[in-house]
C-alpha atoms as a PDB file:
ATOM      1  CA  MET A   1      14.770   3.544  18.762  1.00  0.00           C
ATOM      2  CA  GLN A   2      16.148   4.934  15.520  1.00  0.00           C
ATOM      3  CA  ALA A   3      14.400   8.010  14.121  1.00  0.00           C
ATOM      4  CA  THR A   4      15.118  10.084  11.039  1.00  0.00           C
ATOM      5  CA  ILE A   5      13.570  13.463  10.357  1.00  0.00           C
ATOM      6  CA  TRP A   6      13.705  15.202   7.007  1.00  0.00           C
ATOM      7  CA  HIS A   7      13.968  18.678   8.443  1.00  0.00           C
ATOM      8  CA  ASN A   8      13.703  22.274   7.316  1.00  0.00           C
ATOM      9  CA  PRO A   9      15.045  24.601  10.039  1.00  0.00           C
ATOM     10  CA  ALA A  10      12.981  27.493   8.629  1.00  0.00           C
ATOM     11  CA  CYS A  11       9.720  25.612   9.286  1.00  0.00           C
ATOM     12  CA  GLY A  12       8.075  25.983  12.693  1.00  0.00           C
ATOM     13  CA  THR A  13       6.307  22.616  12.467  1.00  0.00           C
ATOM     14  CA  SER A  14       9.561  20.927  11.559  1.00  0.00           C
ATOM     15  CA  ARG A  15      11.381  22.594  14.477  1.00  0.00           C
ATOM     16  CA  LYS A  16       8.628  21.571  16.917  1.00  0.00           C
ATOM     17  CA  THR A  17       8.686  17.988  15.631  1.00  0.00           C
ATOM     18  CA  LEU A  18      12.462  17.893  16.008  1.00  0.00           C
ATOM     19  CA  GLU A  19      12.097  19.137  19.586  1.00  0.00           C
ATOM     20  CA  ILE A  20       9.625  16.327  20.382  1.00  0.00           C
ATOM     21  CA  LEU A  21      12.066  13.781  18.953  1.00  0.00           C
ATOM     22  CA  ARG A  22      15.000  15.202  20.913  1.00  0.00           C
ATOM     23  CA  ASP A  23      12.983  15.200  24.144  1.00  0.00           C
ATOM     24  CA  HIS A  24      11.732  11.619  23.733  1.00  0.00           C
ATOM     25  CA  PRO A  25      13.826   9.166  25.778  1.00  0.00           C
ATOM     26  CA  GLY A  26      15.742   6.516  23.889  1.00  0.00           C
ATOM     27  CA  VAL A  27      15.548   8.106  20.437  1.00  0.00           C
ATOM     28  CA  GLU A  28      18.719   7.892  18.356  1.00  0.00           C
ATOM     29  CA  LEU A  29      18.105  10.742  15.947  1.00  0.00           C
ATOM     30  CA  THR A  30      19.324  11.418  12.439  1.00  0.00           C
ATOM     31  CA  VAL A  31      18.497  14.855  11.051  1.00  0.00           C
ATOM     32  CA  ILE A  32      18.541  15.340   7.294  1.00  0.00           C
ATOM     33  CA  GLU A  33      18.186  18.913   6.110  1.00  0.00           C
ATOM     34  CA  TYR A  34      16.540  17.941   2.859  1.00  0.00           C
ATOM     35  CA  LEU A  35      17.038  21.326   1.194  1.00  0.00           C
ATOM     36  CA  LYS A  36      20.811  20.762   1.547  1.00  0.00           C
ATOM     37  CA  SER A  37      20.685  16.978   0.951  1.00  0.00           C
ATOM     38  CA  PRO A  38      17.706  16.468  -1.360  1.00  0.00           C
ATOM     39  CA  TYR A  39      15.644  13.316  -1.608  1.00  0.00           C
ATOM     40  CA  ASP A  40      16.303  10.698  -4.225  1.00  0.00           C
ATOM     41  CA  ALA A  41      13.212   9.403  -6.027  1.00  0.00           C
ATOM     42  CA  ALA A  42      13.271   5.915  -4.487  1.00  0.00           C
ATOM     43  CA  LYS A  43      13.478   7.168  -0.891  1.00  0.00           C
ATOM     44  CA  LEU A  44      10.812   9.795  -1.483  1.00  0.00           C
ATOM     45  CA  ARG A  45       8.453   7.218  -3.008  1.00  0.00           C
ATOM     46  CA  GLN A  46       9.073   4.909  -0.040  1.00  0.00           C
ATOM     47  CA  LEU A  47       8.409   7.629   2.547  1.00  0.00           C
ATOM     48  CA  ILE A  48       5.208   8.748   0.845  1.00  0.00           C
ATOM     49  CA  ALA A  49       3.905   5.193   0.442  1.00  0.00           C
ATOM     50  CA  ASP A  50       4.843   4.170   3.990  1.00  0.00           C
ATOM     51  CA  ALA A  51       3.049   7.257   5.327  1.00  0.00           C
ATOM     52  CA  GLY A  52      -0.082   6.136   3.456  1.00  0.00           C
ATOM     53  CA  LEU A  53      -0.082   9.164   1.186  1.00  0.00           C
ATOM     54  CA  THR A  54      -0.105   9.856  -2.503  1.00  0.00           C
ATOM     55  CA  PRO A  55       2.509  12.152  -4.027  1.00  0.00           C
ATOM     56  CA  ALA A  56      -0.205  14.797  -4.478  1.00  0.00           C
ATOM     57  CA  GLN A  57      -1.004  14.614  -0.748  1.00  0.00           C
ATOM     58  CA  ALA A  58       2.680  15.101   0.114  1.00  0.00           C
ATOM     59  CA  LEU A  59       3.025  18.071  -2.237  1.00  0.00           C
ATOM     60  CA  ARG A  60       3.638  21.426  -0.576  1.00  0.00           C
ATOM     61  CA  LEU A  61       1.449  24.075  -2.167  1.00  0.00           C
ATOM     62  CA  ARG A  62       1.917  26.899   0.322  1.00  0.00           C
ATOM     63  CA  GLY A  63       4.987  28.990  -0.402  1.00  0.00           C
ATOM     64  CA  THR A  64       5.695  27.312  -3.748  1.00  0.00           C
ATOM     65  CA  ASP A  65       4.508  27.647  -7.318  1.00  0.00           C
ATOM     66  CA  ALA A  66       3.247  24.030  -7.342  1.00  0.00           C
ATOM     67  CA  GLU A  67      -0.388  25.097  -7.545  1.00  0.00           C
ATOM     68  CA  GLU A  68       0.271  27.572 -10.364  1.00  0.00           C
ATOM     69  CA  ARG A  69       2.072  24.812 -12.257  1.00  0.00           C
ATOM     70  CA  GLY A  70      -0.858  22.451 -11.728  1.00  0.00           C
ATOM     71  CA  LEU A  71       1.396  19.857 -10.095  1.00  0.00           C
ATOM     72  CA  ALA A  72      -1.330  18.508  -7.790  1.00  0.00           C
ATOM     73  CA  GLN A  73      -3.329  17.385 -10.818  1.00  0.00           C
ATOM     74  CA  MET A  74      -0.399  15.681 -12.540  1.00  0.00           C
ATOM     75  CA  ASP A  75       0.474  11.994 -12.414  1.00  0.00           C
ATOM     76  CA  ASP A  76       2.537  10.537  -9.569  1.00  0.00           C
ATOM     77  CA  ASP A  77       5.754  10.225 -11.597  1.00  0.00           C
ATOM     78  CA  THR A  78       5.603  13.891 -12.636  1.00  0.00           C
ATOM     79  CA  ILE A  79       5.004  15.008  -9.054  1.00  0.00           C
ATOM     80  CA  ILE A  80       7.868  12.872  -7.719  1.00  0.00           C
ATOM     81  CA  SER A  81      10.187  14.185 -10.439  1.00  0.00           C
ATOM     82  CA  ALA A  82       9.283  17.773  -9.527  1.00  0.00           C
ATOM     83  CA  MET A  83       9.876  17.039  -5.831  1.00  0.00           C
ATOM     84  CA  VAL A  84      13.274  15.493  -6.530  1.00  0.00           C
ATOM     85  CA  ALA A  85      14.234  18.476  -8.714  1.00  0.00           C
ATOM     86  CA  ASN A  86      12.989  20.986  -6.116  1.00  0.00           C
ATOM     87  CA  ALA A  87      12.795  19.663  -2.547  1.00  0.00           C
ATOM     88  CA  ALA A  88      10.730  22.714  -1.519  1.00  0.00           C
ATOM     89  CA  TYR A  89       7.772  20.951  -3.172  1.00  0.00           C
ATOM     90  CA  VAL A  90       7.834  18.257  -0.463  1.00  0.00           C
ATOM     91  CA  ASN A  91       5.657  18.958   2.545  1.00  0.00           C
ATOM     92  CA  ARG A  92       7.432  18.580   5.856  1.00  0.00           C
ATOM     93  CA  PRO A  93       8.540  17.091   8.063  1.00  0.00           C
ATOM     94  CA  PHE A  94       8.637  13.405   7.258  1.00  0.00           C
ATOM     95  CA  VAL A  95       9.751  11.246  10.188  1.00  0.00           C
ATOM     96  CA  GLU A  96      10.695   7.581   9.921  1.00  0.00           C
ATOM     97  CA  THR A  97      11.105   5.257  12.922  1.00  0.00           C
ATOM     98  CA  ASP A  98      11.011   1.511  13.491  1.00  0.00           C
ATOM     99  CA  LYS A  99       7.246   1.915  13.936  1.00  0.00           C
ATOM    100  CA  GLY A 100       6.551   3.637  10.615  1.00  0.00           C
ATOM    101  CA  VAL A 101       6.580   6.887   8.683  1.00  0.00           C
ATOM    102  CA  ARG A 102       4.470   9.980   9.177  1.00  0.00           C
ATOM    103  CA  LEU A 103       4.189  13.389   7.582  1.00  0.00           C
ATOM    104  CA  CYS A 104       4.088  15.246  10.890  1.00  0.00           C
ATOM    105  CA  ARG A 105       1.604  18.031  10.227  1.00  0.00           C
ATOM    106  CA  PRO A 106       0.681  18.833  12.924  1.00  0.00           C
ATOM    107  CA  GLN A 107       3.788  17.912  14.884  1.00  0.00           C
ATOM    108  CA  GLU A 108       1.861  15.822  17.422  1.00  0.00           C
ATOM    109  CA  ILE A 109       1.438  13.113  14.771  1.00  0.00           C
ATOM    110  CA  VAL A 110       5.028  12.071  15.481  1.00  0.00           C
ATOM    111  CA  HIS A 111       3.809  10.456  18.745  1.00  0.00           C
ATOM    112  CA  GLU A 112       2.057   7.763  16.632  1.00  0.00           C
ATOM    113  CA  ILE A 113       5.447   6.325  15.684  1.00  0.00           C
ATOM    114  CA  LEU A 114       7.364   6.797  18.931  1.00  0.00           C
END
């Protein structure tokens, strides 16, 4: 099974999710450190939609100025544009497998798509 994680090594939840993926038999893993290789708008839209979320639901408020900027109340295109310009605004970690996409908070959610 192919699996891709959009990973932030500084995030405990992301590290724990990555560990689950590495320990799961048969997973061929791709790790994208999205702060080094940021999302493009099309892929980010696809991940959010496939996870059943809105851009506002995928917005990281903690540790960013997104709330101060009022991003959560803005339209989807504005939120996506902000996320593409500053990948720290994207909550993490997103994981994509053949079985779907999940925003793995908490990390155990990854089991739904393994």
